[in-house]
Amino acid sequence: MVELAPTGGGTHSRRRRDGGHYGVCHVAHDRHHLGRARRCCRAHTIASTGYAADHLALMDHLGFKRFHTLGGCIGSSYCLKLCEIAPERVSAAVLQNPIGLHPEFPNYFPESHATWSKEQRAARPELVEAAVQSFGRNMWDREFVFSVMRDFVRRCTVPCLVLPGDDTPHPVAIGAELAELLPNAEQMKPWKGPDAQCDRVISFLEKHTR
């Protein structure tokens, strides 16, 4: 399983509460400007497409032909992009706390990016401001979940488990719409809390392992 989350990286196996293993090889992927990765953000590539290419290259490198994917926050958008460009490789997707364009706060992510970009340029003087701004437009000047369109979601064949959010960056409306539009969707709510969530996610992934 490849995990696509805001930060993190590494490869390890998940343990059960009793100390045993679930039998899942867990690969956490660093985005190339976060975590331990230090590569600069790309100015002229649609961010979700560029990240998807990175994710597939990593799984190729590790020798995984098919895999599950779990995305938290913006990672849910990356999961959907993988489902769009490589559905034959994704056995199932878990969309945890998916982000999206909030109907009441449409400027939330562009404004957050402006704050983030200032922090990044202060910490990394080598970054070019125009490139960082271009990256932001490629990332957030889009609709819905910022990575795929609703038309794709309606015809997505990958089984998905939706764990909907409930705040400004993770709008209730986005989680509800994903659960409604995805043809092979299951939904878990409430889901917050490690025990029940972990058991349901593992059960869902096992059901779609082949």
Protein backbone atom coordinates (compact mmCIF):
# COMPACT_ATOMS: atom_id res chain seq x y z
CA MET A 1 0.00 0.00 0.00
CA VAL A 2 1.33 3.43 -0.88
CA GLU A 3 0.33 6.22 1.48
CA LEU A 4 -0.01 9.72 0.05
CA ALA A 5 -0.14 12.22 2.88
CA PRO A 6 0.91 15.84 3.44
CA THR A 7 4.32 14.73 4.78
CA GLY A 8 6.17 11.54 5.61
CA GLY A 9 8.25 8.91 3.94
CA GLY A 10 9.61 5.43 4.32
CA THR A 11 8.69 1.78 4.01
CA HIS A 12 7.46 -0.37 6.87
CA SER A 13 4.74 -2.81 7.87
CA ARG A 14 1.64 -1.93 9.85
CA ARG A 15 1.23 -3.60 13.27
CA ARG A 16 -2.00 -4.62 14.95
CA ARG A 17 -2.84 -3.47 18.45
CA ASP A 18 -1.70 -6.86 19.80
CA GLY A 19 1.74 -6.32 18.27
CA GLY A 20 1.24 -8.61 15.30
CA HIS A 21 1.43 -7.56 11.67
CA TYR A 22 -1.51 -6.87 9.38
CA GLY A 23 0.48 -8.24 6.48
CA VAL A 24 0.49 -4.92 4.64
CA CYS A 25 3.69 -3.45 3.24
CA HIS A 26 3.27 0.27 3.81
CA VAL A 27 5.14 2.74 1.59
CA ALA A 28 4.92 6.41 2.57
CA HIS A 29 5.97 8.81 -0.17
CA ASP A 30 7.64 12.19 0.38
CA ARG A 31 6.49 14.93 -1.92
CA HIS A 32 9.61 16.40 -3.47
CA HIS A 33 9.49 19.63 -1.48
CA LEU A 34 8.43 18.18 1.91
CA GLY A 35 9.61 15.71 4.51
CA ARG A 36 13.15 14.58 3.83
CA ALA A 37 12.89 15.41 0.13
CA ARG A 38 14.63 18.64 -0.89
CA ARG A 39 13.81 18.91 -4.58
CA CYS A 40 12.28 22.25 -5.55
CA CYS A 41 8.64 22.43 -6.56
CA ARG A 42 7.96 22.37 -10.29
CA ALA A 43 6.70 25.60 -11.75
CA HIS A 44 5.13 24.50 -15.01
CA THR A 45 3.69 21.05 -14.31
CA ILE A 46 0.16 20.48 -13.06
CA ALA A 47 1.07 19.44 -9.56
CA SER A 48 -1.18 16.40 -9.21
CA THR A 49 0.03 14.95 -12.54
CA GLY A 50 3.66 15.47 -11.60
CA TYR A 51 3.17 13.83 -8.21
CA ALA A 52 1.36 10.88 -9.79
CA ALA A 53 4.33 10.30 -12.08
CA ASP A 54 6.58 10.33 -9.00
CA HIS A 55 4.33 7.85 -7.19
CA LEU A 56 4.31 5.45 -10.14
CA ALA A 57 8.07 5.76 -10.57
CA LEU A 58 8.55 4.89 -6.89
CA MET A 59 6.34 1.81 -7.14
CA ASP A 60 8.16 0.76 -10.32
CA HIS A 61 11.46 1.12 -8.47
CA LEU A 62 10.16 -1.01 -5.58
CA GLY A 63 8.78 -3.63 -7.97
CA PHE A 64 5.06 -3.27 -7.21
CA LYS A 65 2.90 -3.80 -10.30
CA ARG A 66 -0.39 -3.38 -8.42
CA PHE A 67 -1.01 -1.69 -5.11
CA HIS A 68 -3.57 -0.10 -2.84
CA THR A 69 -3.36 3.59 -2.12
CA LEU A 70 -4.39 5.54 0.97
CA GLY A 71 -4.49 9.31 0.96
CA GLY A 72 -5.04 11.63 3.87
CA CYS A 73 -6.01 15.27 3.27
CA ILE A 74 -4.51 16.28 -0.08
CA GLY A 75 -3.35 12.70 -0.46
CA SER A 76 -6.94 11.80 -1.35
CA SER A 77 -6.63 14.04 -4.42
CA TYR A 78 -3.40 12.27 -5.38
CA CYS A 79 -5.13 8.91 -4.98
CA LEU A 80 -7.83 9.99 -7.40
CA LYS A 81 -5.26 11.16 -9.92
CA LEU A 82 -3.57 7.75 -9.76
CA CYS A 83 -6.96 6.13 -10.30
CA GLU A 84 -7.40 8.29 -13.38
CA ILE A 85 -4.03 7.77 -15.07
CA ALA A 86 -3.23 4.21 -13.96
CA PRO A 87 -6.46 2.42 -12.95
CA GLU A 88 -5.00 -0.94 -13.95
CA ARG A 89 -2.42 -0.61 -11.18
CA VAL A 90 -4.60 0.59 -8.30
CA SER A 91 -6.50 -2.24 -6.59
CA ALA A 92 -8.36 0.01 -4.15
CA ALA A 93 -8.16 3.53 -2.75
CA VAL A 94 -8.87 4.92 0.71
CA LEU A 95 -9.79 8.62 0.70
CA GLN A 96 -9.33 9.89 4.25
CA ASN A 97 -10.37 13.44 5.07
CA PRO A 98 -10.45 14.54 1.40
CA ILE A 99 -9.79 18.18 0.61
CA GLY A 100 -11.67 20.19 -1.98
CA LEU A 101 -12.99 23.57 -2.99
CA HIS A 102 -15.16 24.75 -0.10
CA PRO A 103 -18.24 26.55 -1.44
CA GLU A 104 -18.16 29.06 1.43
CA PHE A 105 -14.37 29.53 1.60
CA PRO A 106 -13.09 29.32 -2.00
CA ASN A 107 -9.90 31.26 -1.21
CA TYR A 108 -8.80 29.08 1.69
CA PHE A 109 -6.10 27.17 -0.21
CA PRO A 110 -4.71 30.05 -2.31
CA GLU A 111 -4.39 32.13 0.86
CA SER A 112 -2.76 29.22 2.70
CA HIS A 113 -0.36 28.80 -0.20
CA ALA A 114 0.63 32.47 0.00
CA THR A 115 1.56 32.01 3.67
CA TRP A 116 3.39 28.76 2.95
CA SER A 117 5.35 30.26 0.05
CA LYS A 118 6.63 33.09 2.25
CA GLU A 119 7.82 30.57 4.82
CA GLN A 120 9.48 28.46 2.14
CA ARG A 121 11.32 31.37 0.56
CA ALA A 122 12.56 32.51 3.97
CA ALA A 123 13.86 29.04 4.76
CA ARG A 124 15.18 28.30 1.24
CA PRO A 125 16.59 31.45 -0.40
CA GLU A 126 17.37 29.53 -3.59
CA LEU A 127 13.67 29.28 -4.44
CA VAL A 128 12.50 31.58 -7.23
CA GLU A 129 9.35 33.47 -6.27
CA ALA A 130 7.83 33.23 -9.74
CA ALA A 131 8.26 29.45 -9.71
CA VAL A 132 6.63 29.13 -6.29
CA GLN A 133 3.69 31.27 -7.40
CA SER A 134 3.30 29.29 -10.62
CA PHE A 135 3.34 26.10 -8.60
CA GLY A 136 0.53 27.49 -6.44
CA ARG A 137 -1.63 28.35 -9.44
CA ASN A 138 -1.10 24.89 -10.91
CA MET A 139 -2.02 23.39 -7.58
CA TRP A 140 -5.08 25.40 -6.53
CA ASP A 141 -6.51 27.18 -9.58
CA ARG A 142 -8.83 24.25 -10.19
CA GLU A 143 -12.20 22.93 -9.08
CA PHE A 144 -13.68 20.13 -6.99
CA VAL A 145 -10.75 18.12 -5.45
CA PHE A 146 -8.06 20.01 -7.43
CA SER A 147 -6.76 16.90 -9.24
CA VAL A 148 -9.61 15.33 -11.25
CA MET A 149 -12.98 16.42 -12.56
CA ARG A 150 -16.39 15.13 -11.55
CA ASP A 151 -16.86 13.42 -14.92
CA PHE A 152 -13.93 11.15 -14.15
CA VAL A 153 -15.14 10.40 -10.63
CA ARG A 154 -18.51 9.27 -12.02
CA ARG A 155 -16.80 6.63 -14.16
CA CYS A 156 -13.95 5.65 -11.85
CA THR A 157 -13.76 1.84 -11.68
CA VAL A 158 -11.41 1.62 -8.69
CA PRO A 159 -13.13 0.63 -5.41
CA CYS A 160 -12.88 3.52 -2.95
CA LEU A 161 -13.48 3.88 0.77
CA VAL A 162 -14.42 7.46 1.68
CA LEU A 163 -13.76 8.81 5.17
CA PRO A 164 -15.29 12.30 4.85
CA GLY A 165 -13.94 15.41 6.54
CA ASP A 166 -15.78 17.98 8.59
CA ASP A 167 -13.91 21.30 8.52
CA THR A 168 -12.87 24.10 6.16
CA PRO A 169 -9.97 22.41 4.31
CA HIS A 170 -11.79 19.06 4.34
CA PRO A 171 -15.38 20.05 3.51
CA VAL A 172 -18.31 17.85 4.45
CA ALA A 173 -19.76 18.54 1.00
CA ILE A 174 -16.70 17.17 -0.80
CA GLY A 175 -16.69 13.89 1.11
CA ALA A 176 -20.43 13.48 0.58
CA GLU A 177 -20.16 14.20 -3.15
CA LEU A 178 -17.29 11.75 -3.62
CA ALA A 179 -19.26 9.03 -1.84
CA GLU A 180 -22.26 9.76 -4.06
CA LEU A 181 -20.43 10.02 -7.39
CA LEU A 182 -17.93 7.15 -7.13
CA PRO A 183 -19.58 4.03 -8.61
CA ASN A 184 -17.75 1.60 -6.32
CA ALA A 185 -17.66 3.62 -3.12
CA GLU A 186 -18.07 2.67 0.50
CA GLN A 187 -18.28 5.27 3.24
CA MET A 188 -17.28 5.21 6.89
CA LYS A 189 -18.61 7.80 9.31
CA PRO A 190 -17.89 8.62 11.99
CA TRP A 191 -14.35 7.38 11.49
CA LYS A 192 -12.05 9.41 13.73
CA GLY A 193 -10.22 7.24 16.25
CA PRO A 194 -7.46 4.76 15.41
CA ASP A 195 -9.00 1.43 16.38
CA ALA A 196 -12.22 1.19 14.38
CA GLN A 197 -10.75 3.11 11.45
CA CYS A 198 -7.74 0.83 11.14
CA ASP A 199 -9.82 -2.36 11.28
CA ARG A 200 -12.27 -1.08 8.64
CA VAL A 201 -9.51 0.10 6.31
CA ILE A 202 -7.61 -3.19 6.54
CA SER A 203 -10.84 -5.14 5.96
CA PHE A 204 -11.62 -3.01 2.89
CA LEU A 205 -8.12 -3.49 1.45
CA GLU A 206 -8.15 -7.23 2.09
CA LYS A 207 -11.49 -7.50 0.27
CA HIS A 208 -9.93 -5.95 -2.83
CA THR A 209 -6.56 -7.71 -2.75
CA ARG A 210 -5.87 -10.01 -5.66
